[in-house]
Amino acid sequence: MDFTMFAAIGAGIAVMACIGAGIGIGIATSGLVQSIARQPEAAGKLIPWFFVGAALAESTAIYGLVVSILLITRIG
């Protein structure tokens, strides 16, 4: 077994971080919409925290993408 096979498998696994980030942002958005539907006056307090959480989840996806790109460049 050579390094290129392990790099390709690692790149595939690293991209799966994007799936988790997408699911996390979807769940957070669902919770935000439900909270605003129940208490519309709390929207001003909830939305900034939503953006902080979405940014953290998206940074996880970006790290996975960067690792995947680095591993793919090792293959070629």
PDB file of N, CA and C in Angstrom:
ATOM      1  N   MET A   1       0.846  -1.175   0.000  1.00  0.00           N
ATOM      2  CA  MET A   1       0.000   0.000   0.000  1.00  0.00           C
ATOM      3  C   MET A   1       0.895   1.243   0.000  1.00  0.00           C
ATOM      4  N   ASP A   2       0.564   2.162  -0.863  1.00  0.00           N
ATOM      5  CA  ASP A   2       1.377   3.357  -0.940  1.00  0.00           C
ATOM      6  C   ASP A   2       0.652   4.557  -0.328  1.00  0.00           C
ATOM      7  N   PHE A   3       1.390   5.645  -0.293  1.00  0.00           N
ATOM      8  CA  PHE A   3       0.892   6.851   0.370  1.00  0.00           C
ATOM      9  C   PHE A   3      -0.299   7.460  -0.350  1.00  0.00           C
ATOM     10  N   THR A   4      -0.357   7.346  -1.666  1.00  0.00           N
ATOM     11  CA  THR A   4      -1.428   7.999  -2.418  1.00  0.00           C
ATOM     12  C   THR A   4      -2.801   7.446  -2.058  1.00  0.00           C
ATOM     13  N   MET A   5      -2.875   6.159  -1.791  1.00  0.00           N
ATOM     14  CA  MET A   5      -4.163   5.571  -1.417  1.00  0.00           C
ATOM     15  C   MET A   5      -4.627   6.117  -0.064  1.00  0.00           C
ATOM     16  N   PHE A   6      -3.711   6.204   0.887  1.00  0.00           N
ATOM     17  CA  PHE A   6      -4.079   6.727   2.202  1.00  0.00           C
ATOM     18  C   PHE A   6      -4.433   8.211   2.121  1.00  0.00           C
ATOM     19  N   ALA A   7      -3.746   8.950   1.255  1.00  0.00           N
ATOM     20  CA  ALA A   7      -4.061  10.376   1.087  1.00  0.00           C
ATOM     21  C   ALA A   7      -5.454  10.548   0.482  1.00  0.00           C
ATOM     22  N   ALA A   8      -5.819   9.696  -0.475  1.00  0.00           N
ATOM     23  CA  ALA A   8      -7.147   9.781  -1.087  1.00  0.00           C
ATOM     24  C   ALA A   8      -8.237   9.432  -0.079  1.00  0.00           C
ATOM     25  N   ILE A   9      -8.012   8.421   0.714  1.00  0.00           N
ATOM     26  CA  ILE A   9      -8.993   8.049   1.745  1.00  0.00           C
ATOM     27  C   ILE A   9      -9.109   9.160   2.784  1.00  0.00           C
ATOM     28  N   GLY A  10      -7.976   9.726   3.185  1.00  0.00           N
ATOM     29  CA  GLY A  10      -7.992  10.819   4.155  1.00  0.00           C
ATOM     30  C   GLY A  10      -8.697  12.050   3.629  1.00  0.00           C
ATOM     31  N   ALA A  11      -8.522  12.337   2.325  1.00  0.00           N
ATOM     32  CA  ALA A  11      -9.207  13.485   1.726  1.00  0.00           C
ATOM     33  C   ALA A  11     -10.720  13.272   1.735  1.00  0.00           C
ATOM     34  N   GLY A  12     -11.152  12.057   1.450  1.00  0.00           N
ATOM     35  CA  GLY A  12     -12.582  11.754   1.487  1.00  0.00           C
ATOM     36  C   GLY A  12     -13.158  11.887   2.885  1.00  0.00           C
ATOM     37  N   ILE A  13     -12.421  11.444   3.865  1.00  0.00           N
ATOM     38  CA  ILE A  13     -12.884  11.554   5.248  1.00  0.00           C
ATOM     39  C   ILE A  13     -12.912  13.019   5.688  1.00  0.00           C
ATOM     40  N   ALA A  14     -11.919  13.799   5.257  1.00  0.00           N
ATOM     41  CA  ALA A  14     -11.870  15.218   5.644  1.00  0.00           C
ATOM     42  C   ALA A  14     -13.033  15.990   5.059  1.00  0.00           C
ATOM     43  N   VAL A  15     -13.480  15.628   3.866  1.00  0.00           N
ATOM     44  CA  VAL A  15     -14.605  16.330   3.247  1.00  0.00           C
ATOM     45  C   VAL A  15     -15.902  16.041   4.001  1.00  0.00           C
ATOM     46  N   MET A  16     -15.976  14.931   4.697  1.00  0.00           N
ATOM     47  CA  MET A  16     -17.190  14.614   5.455  1.00  0.00           C
ATOM     48  C   MET A  16     -17.438  15.609   6.577  1.00  0.00           C
ATOM     49  N   ALA A  17     -16.419  16.413   6.943  1.00  0.00           N
ATOM     50  CA  ALA A  17     -16.640  17.476   7.924  1.00  0.00           C
ATOM     51  C   ALA A  17     -17.640  18.491   7.390  1.00  0.00           C
ATOM     52  N   CYS A  18     -17.680  18.661   6.080  1.00  0.00           N
ATOM     53  CA  CYS A  18     -18.642  19.595   5.476  1.00  0.00           C
ATOM     54  C   CYS A  18     -20.071  19.107   5.673  1.00  0.00           C
ATOM     55  N   ILE A  19     -20.256  17.807   5.654  1.00  0.00           N
ATOM     56  CA  ILE A  19     -21.595  17.250   5.870  1.00  0.00           C
ATOM     57  C   ILE A  19     -22.064  17.561   7.291  1.00  0.00           C
ATOM     58  N   GLY A  20     -21.188  17.366   8.244  1.00  0.00           N
ATOM     59  CA  GLY A  20     -21.538  17.660   9.633  1.00  0.00           C
ATOM     60  C   GLY A  20     -21.836  19.130   9.861  1.00  0.00           C
ATOM     61  N   ALA A  21     -21.069  19.996   9.217  1.00  0.00           N
ATOM     62  CA  ALA A  21     -21.314  21.430   9.360  1.00  0.00           C
ATOM     63  C   ALA A  21     -22.662  21.813   8.753  1.00  0.00           C
ATOM     64  N   GLY A  22     -22.988  21.229   7.613  1.00  0.00           N
ATOM     65  CA  GLY A  22     -24.282  21.516   6.985  1.00  0.00           C
ATOM     66  C   GLY A  22     -25.442  21.067   7.843  1.00  0.00           C
ATOM     67  N   ILE A  23     -25.322  19.895   8.426  1.00  0.00           N
ATOM     68  CA  ILE A  23     -26.380  19.399   9.317  1.00  0.00           C
ATOM     69  C   ILE A  23     -26.491  20.281  10.558  1.00  0.00           C
ATOM     70  N   GLY A  24     -25.354  20.675  11.108  1.00  0.00           N
ATOM     71  CA  GLY A  24     -25.366  21.525  12.303  1.00  0.00           C
ATOM     72  C   GLY A  24     -25.993  22.878  12.057  1.00  0.00           C
ATOM     73  N   ILE A  25     -25.652  23.496  10.931  1.00  0.00           N
ATOM     74  CA  ILE A  25     -26.243  24.801  10.609  1.00  0.00           C
ATOM     75  C   ILE A  25     -27.732  24.650  10.350  1.00  0.00           C
ATOM     76  N   GLY A  26     -28.151  23.553   9.730  1.00  0.00           N
ATOM     77  CA  GLY A  26     -29.575  23.320   9.502  1.00  0.00           C
ATOM     78  C   GLY A  26     -30.343  23.163  10.792  1.00  0.00           C
ATOM     79  N   ILE A  27     -29.794  22.433  11.729  1.00  0.00           N
ATOM     80  CA  ILE A  27     -30.451  22.258  13.030  1.00  0.00           C
ATOM     81  C   ILE A  27     -30.508  23.592  13.778  1.00  0.00           C
ATOM     82  N   ALA A  28     -29.421  24.359  13.721  1.00  0.00           N
ATOM     83  CA  ALA A  28     -29.408  25.657  14.399  1.00  0.00           C
ATOM     84  C   ALA A  28     -30.424  26.612  13.788  1.00  0.00           C
ATOM     85  N   THR A  29     -30.538  26.598  12.469  1.00  0.00           N
ATOM     86  CA  THR A  29     -31.518  27.456  11.798  1.00  0.00           C
ATOM     87  C   THR A  29     -32.935  27.053  12.173  1.00  0.00           C
ATOM     88  N   SER A  30     -33.173  25.765  12.242  1.00  0.00           N
ATOM     89  CA  SER A  30     -34.489  25.277  12.643  1.00  0.00           C
ATOM     90  C   SER A  30     -34.830  25.748  14.055  1.00  0.00           C
ATOM     91  N   GLY A  31     -33.876  25.628  14.960  1.00  0.00           N
ATOM     92  CA  GLY A  31     -34.106  26.081  16.330  1.00  0.00           C
ATOM     93  C   GLY A  31     -34.341  27.575  16.416  1.00  0.00           C
ATOM     94  N   LEU A  32     -33.604  28.339  15.601  1.00  0.00           N
ATOM     95  CA  LEU A  32     -33.784  29.786  15.601  1.00  0.00           C
ATOM     96  C   LEU A  32     -35.180  30.165  15.108  1.00  0.00           C
ATOM     97  N   VAL A  33     -35.613  29.554  14.021  1.00  0.00           N
ATOM     98  CA  VAL A  33     -36.935  29.867  13.473  1.00  0.00           C
ATOM     99  C   VAL A  33     -38.037  29.488  14.459  1.00  0.00           C
ATOM    100  N   GLN A  34     -37.892  28.340  15.101  1.00  0.00           N
ATOM    101  CA  GLN A  34     -38.898  27.939  16.089  1.00  0.00           C
ATOM    102  C   GLN A  34     -38.923  28.894  17.281  1.00  0.00           C
ATOM    103  N   SER A  35     -37.743  29.327  17.722  1.00  0.00           N
ATOM    104  CA  SER A  35     -37.687  30.253  18.857  1.00  0.00           C
ATOM    105  C   SER A  35     -38.300  31.591  18.505  1.00  0.00           C
ATOM    106  N   ILE A  36     -38.020  32.093  17.305  1.00  0.00           N
ATOM    107  CA  ILE A  36     -38.590  33.372  16.895  1.00  0.00           C
ATOM    108  C   ILE A  36     -40.096  33.251  16.693  1.00  0.00           C
ATOM    109  N   ALA A  37     -40.555  32.086  16.224  1.00  0.00           N
ATOM    110  CA  ALA A  37     -41.993  31.896  16.048  1.00  0.00           C
ATOM    111  C   ALA A  37     -42.718  31.897  17.392  1.00  0.00           C
ATOM    112  N   ARG A  38     -42.063  31.393  18.428  1.00  0.00           N
ATOM    113  CA  ARG A  38     -42.701  31.355  19.747  1.00  0.00           C
ATOM    114  C   ARG A  38     -42.625  32.700  20.456  1.00  0.00           C
ATOM    115  N   GLN A  39     -41.460  33.382  20.328  1.00  0.00           N
ATOM    116  CA  GLN A  39     -41.276  34.680  20.978  1.00  0.00           C
ATOM    117  C   GLN A  39     -40.635  35.653  19.991  1.00  0.00           C
ATOM    118  N   PRO A  40     -41.435  36.321  19.198  1.00  0.00           N
ATOM    119  CA  PRO A  40     -40.879  37.229  18.189  1.00  0.00           C
ATOM    120  C   PRO A  40     -40.059  38.379  18.784  1.00  0.00           C
ATOM    121  N   GLU A  41     -40.373  38.778  20.002  1.00  0.00           N
ATOM    122  CA  GLU A  41     -39.638  39.889  20.613  1.00  0.00           C
ATOM    123  C   GLU A  41     -38.204  39.508  20.989  1.00  0.00           C
ATOM    124  N   ALA A  42     -37.879  38.222  21.029  1.00  0.00           N
ATOM    125  CA  ALA A  42     -36.533  37.777  21.379  1.00  0.00           C
ATOM    126  C   ALA A  42     -35.622  37.645  20.164  1.00  0.00           C
ATOM    127  N   ALA A  43     -36.109  37.993  18.988  1.00  0.00           N
ATOM    128  CA  ALA A  43     -35.316  37.820  17.762  1.00  0.00           C
ATOM    129  C   ALA A  43     -34.025  38.632  17.810  1.00  0.00           C
ATOM    130  N   GLY A  44     -34.068  39.832  18.363  1.00  0.00           N
ATOM    131  CA  GLY A  44     -32.874  40.678  18.431  1.00  0.00           C
ATOM    132  C   GLY A  44     -31.757  40.078  19.265  1.00  0.00           C
ATOM    133  N   LYS A  45     -32.120  39.291  20.267  1.00  0.00           N
ATOM    134  CA  LYS A  45     -31.112  38.653  21.115  1.00  0.00           C
ATOM    135  C   LYS A  45     -30.624  37.327  20.547  1.00  0.00           C
ATOM    136  N   LEU A  46     -31.454  36.657  19.767  1.00  0.00           N
ATOM    137  CA  LEU A  46     -31.112  35.325  19.273  1.00  0.00           C
ATOM    138  C   LEU A  46     -30.259  35.340  18.007  1.00  0.00           C
ATOM    139  N   ILE A  47     -30.526  36.277  17.122  1.00  0.00           N
ATOM    140  CA  ILE A  47     -29.867  36.269  15.815  1.00  0.00           C
ATOM    141  C   ILE A  47     -28.348  36.435  15.915  1.00  0.00           C
ATOM    142  N   PRO A  48     -27.804  37.331  16.757  1.00  0.00           N
ATOM    143  CA  PRO A  48     -26.333  37.404  16.839  1.00  0.00           C
ATOM    144  C   PRO A  48     -25.695  36.096  17.317  1.00  0.00           C
ATOM    145  N   TRP A  49     -26.332  35.409  18.249  1.00  0.00           N
ATOM    146  CA  TRP A  49     -25.792  34.136  18.714  1.00  0.00           C
ATOM    147  C   TRP A  49     -25.873  33.065  17.638  1.00  0.00           C
ATOM    148  N   PHE A  50     -26.905  33.146  16.799  1.00  0.00           N
ATOM    149  CA  PHE A  50     -27.012  32.219  15.683  1.00  0.00           C
ATOM    150  C   PHE A  50     -25.844  32.394  14.723  1.00  0.00           C
ATOM    151  N   PHE A  51     -25.513  33.643  14.411  1.00  0.00           N
ATOM    152  CA  PHE A  51     -24.410  33.886  13.489  1.00  0.00           C
ATOM    153  C   PHE A  51     -23.074  33.444  14.062  1.00  0.00           C
ATOM    154  N   VAL A  52     -22.885  33.565  15.362  1.00  0.00           N
ATOM    155  CA  VAL A  52     -21.659  33.066  15.994  1.00  0.00           C
ATOM    156  C   VAL A  52     -21.578  31.550  15.849  1.00  0.00           C
ATOM    157  N   GLY A  53     -22.670  30.864  16.127  1.00  0.00           N
ATOM    158  CA  GLY A  53     -22.688  29.406  15.998  1.00  0.00           C
ATOM    159  C   GLY A  53     -22.522  28.949  14.563  1.00  0.00           C
ATOM    160  N   ALA A  54     -23.156  29.650  13.629  1.00  0.00           N
ATOM    161  CA  ALA A  54     -23.020  29.287  12.222  1.00  0.00           C
ATOM    162  C   ALA A  54     -21.583  29.509  11.742  1.00  0.00           C
ATOM    163  N   ALA A  55     -20.944  30.571  12.202  1.00  0.00           N
ATOM    164  CA  ALA A  55     -19.550  30.827  11.820  1.00  0.00           C
ATOM    165  C   ALA A  55     -18.629  29.742  12.353  1.00  0.00           C
ATOM    166  N   LEU A  56     -18.866  29.289  13.572  1.00  0.00           N
ATOM    167  CA  LEU A  56     -18.037  28.214  14.134  1.00  0.00           C
ATOM    168  C   LEU A  56     -18.239  26.904  13.377  1.00  0.00           C
ATOM    169  N   ALA A  57     -19.474  26.601  13.028  1.00  0.00           N
ATOM    170  CA  ALA A  57     -19.741  25.385  12.261  1.00  0.00           C
ATOM    171  C   ALA A  57     -19.128  25.476  10.871  1.00  0.00           C
ATOM    172  N   GLU A  58     -19.217  26.643  10.261  1.00  0.00           N
ATOM    173  CA  GLU A  58     -18.654  26.812   8.919  1.00  0.00           C
ATOM    174  C   GLU A  58     -17.128  26.748   8.951  1.00  0.00           C
ATOM    175  N   SER A  59     -16.526  27.216  10.026  1.00  0.00           N
ATOM    176  CA  SER A  59     -15.063  27.120  10.109  1.00  0.00           C
ATOM    177  C   SER A  59     -14.622  25.662  10.175  1.00  0.00           C
ATOM    178  N   THR A  60     -15.407  24.819  10.794  1.00  0.00           N
ATOM    179  CA  THR A  60     -15.092  23.389  10.803  1.00  0.00           C
ATOM    180  C   THR A  60     -15.116  22.823   9.394  1.00  0.00           C
ATOM    181  N   ALA A  61     -16.084  23.245   8.606  1.00  0.00           N
ATOM    182  CA  ALA A  61     -16.164  22.783   7.219  1.00  0.00           C
ATOM    183  C   ALA A  61     -14.981  23.295   6.406  1.00  0.00           C
ATOM    184  N   ILE A  62     -14.567  24.517   6.648  1.00  0.00           N
ATOM    185  CA  ILE A  62     -13.438  25.073   5.916  1.00  0.00           C
ATOM    186  C   ILE A  62     -12.151  24.348   6.284  1.00  0.00           C
ATOM    187  N   TYR A  63     -11.971  24.012   7.553  1.00  0.00           N
ATOM    188  CA  TYR A  63     -10.785  23.240   7.949  1.00  0.00           C
ATOM    189  C   TYR A  63     -10.766  21.884   7.255  1.00  0.00           C
ATOM    190  N   GLY A  64     -11.904  21.229   7.179  1.00  0.00           N
ATOM    191  CA  GLY A  64     -11.975  19.949   6.477  1.00  0.00           C
ATOM    192  C   GLY A  64     -11.648  20.088   5.003  1.00  0.00           C
ATOM    193  N   LEU A  65     -12.125  21.159   4.383  1.00  0.00           N
ATOM    194  CA  LEU A  65     -11.835  21.403   2.975  1.00  0.00           C
ATOM    195  C   LEU A  65     -10.352  21.669   2.752  1.00  0.00           C
ATOM    196  N   VAL A  66      -9.740  22.449   3.633  1.00  0.00           N
ATOM    197  CA  VAL A  66      -8.315  22.740   3.502  1.00  0.00           C
ATOM    198  C   VAL A  66      -7.484  21.466   3.651  1.00  0.00           C
ATOM    199  N   VAL A  67      -7.817  20.649   4.626  1.00  0.00           N
ATOM    200  CA  VAL A  67      -7.093  19.387   4.809  1.00  0.00           C
ATOM    201  C   VAL A  67      -7.269  18.496   3.586  1.00  0.00           C
ATOM    202  N   SER A  68      -8.469  18.466   3.047  1.00  0.00           N
ATOM    203  CA  SER A  68      -8.725  17.662   1.859  1.00  0.00           C
ATOM    204  C   SER A  68      -7.903  18.150   0.669  1.00  0.00           C
ATOM    205  N   ILE A  69      -7.850  19.451   0.470  1.00  0.00           N
ATOM    206  CA  ILE A  69      -7.068  20.003  -0.634  1.00  0.00           C
ATOM    207  C   ILE A  69      -5.584  19.714  -0.445  1.00  0.00           C
ATOM    208  N   LEU A  70      -5.094  19.841   0.783  1.00  0.00           N
ATOM    209  CA  LEU A  70      -3.693  19.530   1.023  1.00  0.00           C
ATOM    210  C   LEU A  70      -3.372  18.076   0.738  1.00  0.00           C
ATOM    211  N   LEU A  71      -4.272  17.185   1.100  1.00  0.00           N
ATOM    212  CA  LEU A  71      -4.026  15.766   0.827  1.00  0.00           C
ATOM    213  C   LEU A  71      -4.128  15.452  -0.661  1.00  0.00           C
ATOM    214  N   ILE A  72      -5.041  16.111  -1.361  1.00  0.00           N
ATOM    215  CA  ILE A  72      -5.187  15.850  -2.797  1.00  0.00           C
ATOM    216  C   ILE A  72      -3.943  16.332  -3.549  1.00  0.00           C
ATOM    217  N   THR A  73      -3.342  17.443  -3.101  1.00  0.00           N
ATOM    218  CA  THR A  73      -2.130  17.918  -3.788  1.00  0.00           C
ATOM    219  C   THR A  73      -0.966  16.955  -3.584  1.00  0.00           C
ATOM    220  N   ARG A  74      -1.006  16.159  -2.534  1.00  0.00           N
ATOM    221  CA  ARG A  74       0.053  15.155  -2.311  1.00  0.00           C
ATOM    222  C   ARG A  74      -0.090  13.965  -3.251  1.00  0.00           C
ATOM    223  N   ILE A  75      -1.310  13.739  -3.740  1.00  0.00           N
ATOM    224  CA  ILE A  75      -1.545  12.588  -4.614  1.00  0.00           C
ATOM    225  C   ILE A  75      -0.888  12.801  -5.972  1.00  0.00           C
ATOM    226  N   GLY A  76      -1.075  13.993  -6.548  1.00  0.00           N
ATOM    227  CA  GLY A  76      -0.590  14.261  -7.894  1.00  0.00           C
ATOM    228  C   GLY A  76       0.856  14.476  -7.941  1.00  0.00           C
TER     229      GLY A  76
END
